[in-house]
Amino acid sequence: LLWKDGAVESPPAMQRQIITTELHPNDLISLTEAFTCNTREEIDAAFQPAIKAGHDGVVIKPNSMGPWIKYKKSETSDFIVTAFKKTDTWKKHGVAKSFKVAVYENGSLKDMGDVQGYKWDMLKELTSKLKPIREDKHYIYVQPEVVIEVEYFENLGSALREPRILRIRYDKPAQECIIRDIHAVCSRLAELLN
């Protein structure tokens, strides 16, 4: 709907107006309440009722036309696989289950620690897509091309709390995996509004 007549390029208030005009709620479709938030506290105030109502979280749409951000109870983000650990599983079966991941920050890869995968078929597929370039005692480093979606509970800055691999992202180029920290987004939104 937002791609209609270039509406996706419109500010969020205009997008909301288009949605409420064009979309007709029924048993399958409902409109959620929209909030204008200027601070982290206001975002949190909108987030908590959404969680209590059983929703995953909220979507933040910056007025600056930046990317939409899903702010959820558990976060998901996309990361670039940069290496895999030489575990017993890899040595025995040729399948990696622990991977180093990174994101781009100011044009350079920033290491975000290790993530685990638990679905055997996906791990086999992921391992087969990686192109080794060098190795050390613990890791085999690969071309930073393969993107995976990871669920986690907190971004600690240089690591993720309780990360797990959800899927391989064939549809996303590695260059689009950039730092996405909700605190930084909120700070940037506040700067734009002042």
C-alpha atoms as a PDB file:
ATOM      1  CA  LEU A   1       0.000   0.000   0.000  1.00  0.00           C
ATOM      2  CA  LEU A   2       2.791   2.468   0.867  1.00  0.00           C
ATOM      3  CA  TRP A   3       4.419   1.915  -2.528  1.00  0.00           C
ATOM      4  CA  LYS A   4       1.278   3.258  -4.186  1.00  0.00           C
ATOM      5  CA  ASP A   5       1.949   6.623  -5.841  1.00  0.00           C
ATOM      6  CA  GLY A   6       5.313   6.951  -4.077  1.00  0.00           C
ATOM      7  CA  ALA A   7       3.787   7.107  -0.601  1.00  0.00           C
ATOM      8  CA  VAL A   8       6.749   5.170   0.805  1.00  0.00           C
ATOM      9  CA  GLU A   9       8.805   8.355   0.321  1.00  0.00           C
ATOM     10  CA  SER A  10       6.310  10.425   2.321  1.00  0.00           C
ATOM     11  CA  PRO A  11       6.752  11.435   5.978  1.00  0.00           C
ATOM     12  CA  PRO A  12       5.221   9.029   8.556  1.00  0.00           C
ATOM     13  CA  ALA A  13       2.219  11.301   9.267  1.00  0.00           C
ATOM     14  CA  MET A  14       1.250  11.275   5.594  1.00  0.00           C
ATOM     15  CA  GLN A  15       1.823   7.498   5.392  1.00  0.00           C
ATOM     16  CA  ARG A  16      -0.512   7.050   8.359  1.00  0.00           C
ATOM     17  CA  GLN A  17      -3.151   9.203   6.662  1.00  0.00           C
ATOM     18  CA  ILE A  18      -2.918   7.088   3.493  1.00  0.00           C
ATOM     19  CA  ILE A  19      -3.193   3.863   5.497  1.00  0.00           C
ATOM     20  CA  THR A  20      -6.236   5.026   7.480  1.00  0.00           C
ATOM     21  CA  THR A  21      -7.932   6.260   4.275  1.00  0.00           C
ATOM     22  CA  GLU A  22      -7.163   3.237   2.077  1.00  0.00           C
ATOM     23  CA  LEU A  23      -7.263   0.380   4.580  1.00  0.00           C
ATOM     24  CA  HIS A  24     -10.582  -0.835   5.870  1.00  0.00           C
ATOM     25  CA  PRO A  25     -10.335  -2.768   9.164  1.00  0.00           C
ATOM     26  CA  ASN A  26     -12.133  -6.086   9.365  1.00  0.00           C
ATOM     27  CA  ASP A  27     -11.760  -9.442  11.142  1.00  0.00           C
ATOM     28  CA  LEU A  28      -8.307  -9.953   9.631  1.00  0.00           C
ATOM     29  CA  ILE A  29      -6.958  -6.393   9.538  1.00  0.00           C
ATOM     30  CA  SER A  30      -6.823  -3.892  12.364  1.00  0.00           C
ATOM     31  CA  LEU A  31      -5.122  -0.547  12.755  1.00  0.00           C
ATOM     32  CA  THR A  32      -2.945   0.052  15.773  1.00  0.00           C
ATOM     33  CA  GLU A  33      -2.670   3.345  17.564  1.00  0.00           C
ATOM     34  CA  ALA A  34       0.045   5.691  16.301  1.00  0.00           C
ATOM     35  CA  PHE A  35       2.191   7.759  18.673  1.00  0.00           C
ATOM     36  CA  THR A  36       4.558  10.644  18.039  1.00  0.00           C
ATOM     37  CA  CYS A  37       7.571  10.166  20.296  1.00  0.00           C
ATOM     38  CA  ASN A  38      10.380  12.626  20.874  1.00  0.00           C
ATOM     39  CA  THR A  39      12.338  10.847  23.608  1.00  0.00           C
ATOM     40  CA  ARG A  40      13.410   7.361  24.644  1.00  0.00           C
ATOM     41  CA  GLU A  41      10.941   7.573  27.534  1.00  0.00           C
ATOM     42  CA  GLU A  42       8.056   8.257  25.150  1.00  0.00           C
ATOM     43  CA  ILE A  43       9.087   5.291  22.978  1.00  0.00           C
ATOM     44  CA  ASP A  44       9.187   3.099  26.100  1.00  0.00           C
ATOM     45  CA  ALA A  45       5.747   4.426  27.108  1.00  0.00           C
ATOM     46  CA  ALA A  46       4.356   3.273  23.732  1.00  0.00           C
ATOM     47  CA  PHE A  47       6.301  -0.007  23.844  1.00  0.00           C
ATOM     48  CA  GLN A  48       5.122  -1.309  27.222  1.00  0.00           C
ATOM     49  CA  PRO A  49       1.371  -1.287  26.426  1.00  0.00           C
ATOM     50  CA  ALA A  50       2.105  -2.990  23.075  1.00  0.00           C
ATOM     51  CA  ILE A  51       3.917  -5.824  24.870  1.00  0.00           C
ATOM     52  CA  LYS A  52       1.112  -6.107  27.453  1.00  0.00           C
ATOM     53  CA  ALA A  53      -1.421  -6.314  24.607  1.00  0.00           C
ATOM     54  CA  GLY A  54       0.438  -9.317  23.242  1.00  0.00           C
ATOM     55  CA  HIS A  55       2.261  -7.614  20.360  1.00  0.00           C
ATOM     56  CA  ASP A  56       5.928  -8.252  19.568  1.00  0.00           C
ATOM     57  CA  GLY A  57       6.782  -4.579  19.996  1.00  0.00           C
ATOM     58  CA  VAL A  58       6.514  -1.366  18.018  1.00  0.00           C
ATOM     59  CA  VAL A  59       7.819  -0.015  14.723  1.00  0.00           C
ATOM     60  CA  ILE A  60       9.706   3.276  14.878  1.00  0.00           C
ATOM     61  CA  LYS A  61       9.460   5.440  11.777  1.00  0.00           C
ATOM     62  CA  PRO A  62      11.884   8.389  11.946  1.00  0.00           C
ATOM     63  CA  ASN A  63      10.649  11.665  10.436  1.00  0.00           C
ATOM     64  CA  SER A  64      14.047  11.923   8.725  1.00  0.00           C
ATOM     65  CA  MET A  65      12.937   9.194   6.296  1.00  0.00           C
ATOM     66  CA  GLY A  66      15.501   6.790   7.717  1.00  0.00           C
ATOM     67  CA  PRO A  67      14.940   3.048   7.905  1.00  0.00           C
ATOM     68  CA  TRP A  68      12.017   1.707   9.903  1.00  0.00           C
ATOM     69  CA  ILE A  69      13.138   0.022  13.097  1.00  0.00           C
ATOM     70  CA  LYS A  70      11.410  -2.889  14.800  1.00  0.00           C
ATOM     71  CA  TYR A  71      11.691  -2.405  18.560  1.00  0.00           C
ATOM     72  CA  LYS A  72      10.732  -5.753  20.026  1.00  0.00           C
ATOM     73  CA  LYS A  73      10.907  -7.606  23.292  1.00  0.00           C
ATOM     74  CA  SER A  74      13.619  -9.756  21.807  1.00  0.00           C
ATOM     75  CA  GLU A  75      15.508  -8.097  19.013  1.00  0.00           C
ATOM     76  CA  THR A  76      16.371  -9.517  15.633  1.00  0.00           C
ATOM     77  CA  SER A  77      19.049  -8.084  13.394  1.00  0.00           C
ATOM     78  CA  ASP A  78      21.026  -9.148  10.405  1.00  0.00           C
ATOM     79  CA  PHE A  79      24.738  -9.891  10.713  1.00  0.00           C
ATOM     80  CA  ILE A  80      27.548 -10.887   8.387  1.00  0.00           C
ATOM     81  CA  VAL A  81      29.275 -14.210   9.076  1.00  0.00           C
ATOM     82  CA  THR A  82      33.038 -13.590   9.285  1.00  0.00           C
ATOM     83  CA  ALA A  83      34.271 -16.906  10.710  1.00  0.00           C
ATOM     84  CA  PHE A  84      33.224 -20.209  12.219  1.00  0.00           C
ATOM     85  CA  LYS A  85      34.638 -21.991  15.233  1.00  0.00           C
ATOM     86  CA  LYS A  86      36.576 -25.229  14.915  1.00  0.00           C
ATOM     87  CA  THR A  87      34.271 -27.251  17.140  1.00  0.00           C
ATOM     88  CA  ASP A  88      34.132 -31.030  17.457  1.00  0.00           C
ATOM     89  CA  THR A  89      30.976 -30.978  15.329  1.00  0.00           C
ATOM     90  CA  TRP A  90      32.830 -29.231  12.525  1.00  0.00           C
ATOM     91  CA  LYS A  91      35.840 -31.534  12.838  1.00  0.00           C
ATOM     92  CA  LYS A  92      33.653 -34.664  12.875  1.00  0.00           C
ATOM     93  CA  HIS A  93      30.848 -33.756  10.432  1.00  0.00           C
ATOM     94  CA  GLY A  94      32.123 -30.710   8.498  1.00  0.00           C
ATOM     95  CA  VAL A  95      29.243 -28.627   9.878  1.00  0.00           C
ATOM     96  CA  ALA A  96      29.829 -25.450  11.866  1.00  0.00           C
ATOM     97  CA  LYS A  97      27.472 -24.471  14.695  1.00  0.00           C
ATOM     98  CA  SER A  98      29.246 -21.443  16.200  1.00  0.00           C
ATOM     99  CA  PHE A  99      29.932 -18.374  14.065  1.00  0.00           C
ATOM    100  CA  LYS A 100      31.629 -15.004  14.473  1.00  0.00           C
ATOM    101  CA  VAL A 101      29.435 -12.205  13.178  1.00  0.00           C
ATOM    102  CA  ALA A 102      29.932  -8.535  12.392  1.00  0.00           C
ATOM    103  CA  VAL A 103      28.144  -5.434  11.143  1.00  0.00           C
ATOM    104  CA  TYR A 104      29.384  -2.399   9.300  1.00  0.00           C
ATOM    105  CA  GLU A 105      30.142   0.672  11.384  1.00  0.00           C
ATOM    106  CA  ASN A 106      31.499   3.697   9.545  1.00  0.00           C
ATOM    107  CA  GLY A 107      32.522   1.538   6.593  1.00  0.00           C
ATOM    108  CA  SER A 108      34.462  -1.088   8.597  1.00  0.00           C
ATOM    109  CA  LEU A 109      33.377  -4.433   9.992  1.00  0.00           C
ATOM    110  CA  LYS A 110      32.721  -4.384  13.735  1.00  0.00           C
ATOM    111  CA  ASP A 111      32.900  -7.773  15.470  1.00  0.00           C
ATOM    112  CA  MET A 112      29.727  -8.592  17.403  1.00  0.00           C
ATOM    113  CA  GLY A 113      30.889 -11.844  18.963  1.00  0.00           C
ATOM    114  CA  ASP A 114      29.789 -15.439  18.457  1.00  0.00           C
ATOM    115  CA  VAL A 115      26.317 -16.762  17.709  1.00  0.00           C
ATOM    116  CA  GLN A 116      25.001 -20.322  17.773  1.00  0.00           C
ATOM    117  CA  GLY A 117      22.739 -22.246  15.475  1.00  0.00           C
ATOM    118  CA  TYR A 118      20.642 -25.267  16.432  1.00  0.00           C
ATOM    119  CA  LYS A 119      18.878 -26.427  13.258  1.00  0.00           C
ATOM    120  CA  TRP A 120      21.088 -29.072  11.634  1.00  0.00           C
ATOM    121  CA  ASP A 121      19.859 -28.604   8.036  1.00  0.00           C
ATOM    122  CA  MET A 122      20.290 -24.835   8.215  1.00  0.00           C
ATOM    123  CA  LEU A 123      23.779 -25.221   9.742  1.00  0.00           C
ATOM    124  CA  LYS A 124      24.795 -27.598   6.934  1.00  0.00           C
ATOM    125  CA  GLU A 125      23.513 -25.148   4.343  1.00  0.00           C
ATOM    126  CA  LEU A 126      25.162 -22.161   6.031  1.00  0.00           C
ATOM    127  CA  THR A 127      28.517 -23.937   6.341  1.00  0.00           C
ATOM    128  CA  SER A 128      28.385 -24.876   2.640  1.00  0.00           C
ATOM    129  CA  LYS A 129      27.889 -21.209   1.629  1.00  0.00           C
ATOM    130  CA  LEU A 130      30.982 -19.929   3.464  1.00  0.00           C
ATOM    131  CA  LYS A 131      34.220 -19.297   1.533  1.00  0.00           C
ATOM    132  CA  PRO A 132      37.298 -19.759   3.784  1.00  0.00           C
ATOM    133  CA  ILE A 133      40.146 -17.254   3.409  1.00  0.00           C
ATOM    134  CA  ARG A 134      42.421 -18.019   6.402  1.00  0.00           C
ATOM    135  CA  GLU A 135      42.426 -19.731   9.777  1.00  0.00           C
ATOM    136  CA  ASP A 136      43.966 -19.610  13.217  1.00  0.00           C
ATOM    137  CA  LYS A 137      43.954 -22.029  16.150  1.00  0.00           C
ATOM    138  CA  HIS A 138      40.250 -21.548  16.947  1.00  0.00           C
ATOM    139  CA  TYR A 139      38.513 -20.127  13.859  1.00  0.00           C
ATOM    140  CA  ILE A 140      38.285 -20.433  10.105  1.00  0.00           C
ATOM    141  CA  TYR A 141      37.742 -16.928   8.684  1.00  0.00           C
ATOM    142  CA  VAL A 142      35.521 -16.540   5.635  1.00  0.00           C
ATOM    143  CA  GLN A 143      34.654 -13.989   2.964  1.00  0.00           C
ATOM    144  CA  PRO A 144      32.259 -11.541   4.684  1.00  0.00           C
ATOM    145  CA  GLU A 145      29.387 -12.164   2.253  1.00  0.00           C
ATOM    146  CA  VAL A 146      26.810 -14.385   3.920  1.00  0.00           C
ATOM    147  CA  VAL A 147      24.118 -12.641   5.980  1.00  0.00           C
ATOM    148  CA  ILE A 148      22.133 -14.304   8.770  1.00  0.00           C
ATOM    149  CA  GLU A 149      19.238 -13.106  10.894  1.00  0.00           C
ATOM    150  CA  VAL A 150      19.935 -13.455  14.609  1.00  0.00           C
ATOM    151  CA  GLU A 151      17.544 -13.178  17.546  1.00  0.00           C
ATOM    152  CA  TYR A 152      18.978 -11.855  20.819  1.00  0.00           C
ATOM    153  CA  PHE A 153      17.844 -10.153  24.003  1.00  0.00           C
ATOM    154  CA  GLU A 154      20.310  -7.303  24.231  1.00  0.00           C
ATOM    155  CA  ASN A 155      22.977  -5.663  22.109  1.00  0.00           C
ATOM    156  CA  LEU A 156      25.895  -5.164  24.504  1.00  0.00           C
ATOM    157  CA  GLY A 157      27.872  -3.075  22.019  1.00  0.00           C
ATOM    158  CA  SER A 158      30.444  -5.676  21.018  1.00  0.00           C
ATOM    159  CA  ALA A 159      28.449  -8.830  21.755  1.00  0.00           C
ATOM    160  CA  LEU A 160      24.872 -10.055  21.858  1.00  0.00           C
ATOM    161  CA  ARG A 161      23.103 -11.487  24.889  1.00  0.00           C
ATOM    162  CA  GLU A 162      21.699 -14.982  24.226  1.00  0.00           C
ATOM    163  CA  PRO A 163      21.953 -14.920  20.427  1.00  0.00           C
ATOM    164  CA  ARG A 164      20.600 -17.651  18.170  1.00  0.00           C
ATOM    165  CA  ILE A 165      20.533 -17.909  14.400  1.00  0.00           C
ATOM    166  CA  LEU A 166      17.067 -17.726  12.860  1.00  0.00           C
ATOM    167  CA  ARG A 167      17.805 -18.008   9.151  1.00  0.00           C
ATOM    168  CA  ILE A 168      20.127 -17.284   6.258  1.00  0.00           C
ATOM    169  CA  ARG A 169      19.269 -13.996   4.503  1.00  0.00           C
ATOM    170  CA  TYR A 170      19.823 -14.662   0.798  1.00  0.00           C
ATOM    171  CA  ASP A 171      17.855 -11.502   0.001  1.00  0.00           C
ATOM    172  CA  LYS A 172      20.128  -9.082   1.847  1.00  0.00           C
ATOM    173  CA  PRO A 173      23.577  -7.892   0.750  1.00  0.00           C
ATOM    174  CA  ALA A 174      26.280  -7.744   3.418  1.00  0.00           C
ATOM    175  CA  GLN A 175      26.746  -3.995   2.820  1.00  0.00           C
ATOM    176  CA  GLU A 176      23.291  -3.371   4.285  1.00  0.00           C
ATOM    177  CA  CYS A 177      24.224  -4.855   7.682  1.00  0.00           C
ATOM    178  CA  ILE A 178      24.947  -1.710   9.647  1.00  0.00           C
ATOM    179  CA  ILE A 179      24.984  -0.816  13.348  1.00  0.00           C
ATOM    180  CA  ARG A 180      21.420  -0.564  14.573  1.00  0.00           C
ATOM    181  CA  ASP A 181      21.261   0.307  18.221  1.00  0.00           C
ATOM    182  CA  ILE A 182      17.916   1.537  19.528  1.00  0.00           C
ATOM    183  CA  HIS A 183      19.631   3.893  21.976  1.00  0.00           C
ATOM    184  CA  ALA A 184      21.584   5.508  19.154  1.00  0.00           C
ATOM    185  CA  VAL A 185      18.419   5.788  17.058  1.00  0.00           C
ATOM    186  CA  CYS A 186      16.553   7.473  19.904  1.00  0.00           C
ATOM    187  CA  SER A 187      19.428   9.894  20.475  1.00  0.00           C
ATOM    188  CA  ARG A 188      19.508  10.707  16.761  1.00  0.00           C
ATOM    189  CA  LEU A 189      15.729  11.244  16.712  1.00  0.00           C
ATOM    190  CA  ALA A 190      16.027  13.615  19.655  1.00  0.00           C
ATOM    191  CA  GLU A 191      18.780  15.574  17.848  1.00  0.00           C
ATOM    192  CA  LEU A 192      16.633  15.892  14.729  1.00  0.00           C
ATOM    193  CA  LEU A 193      13.668  17.119  16.734  1.00  0.00           C
ATOM    194  CA  ASN A 194      15.609  19.821  18.605  1.00  0.00           C
END
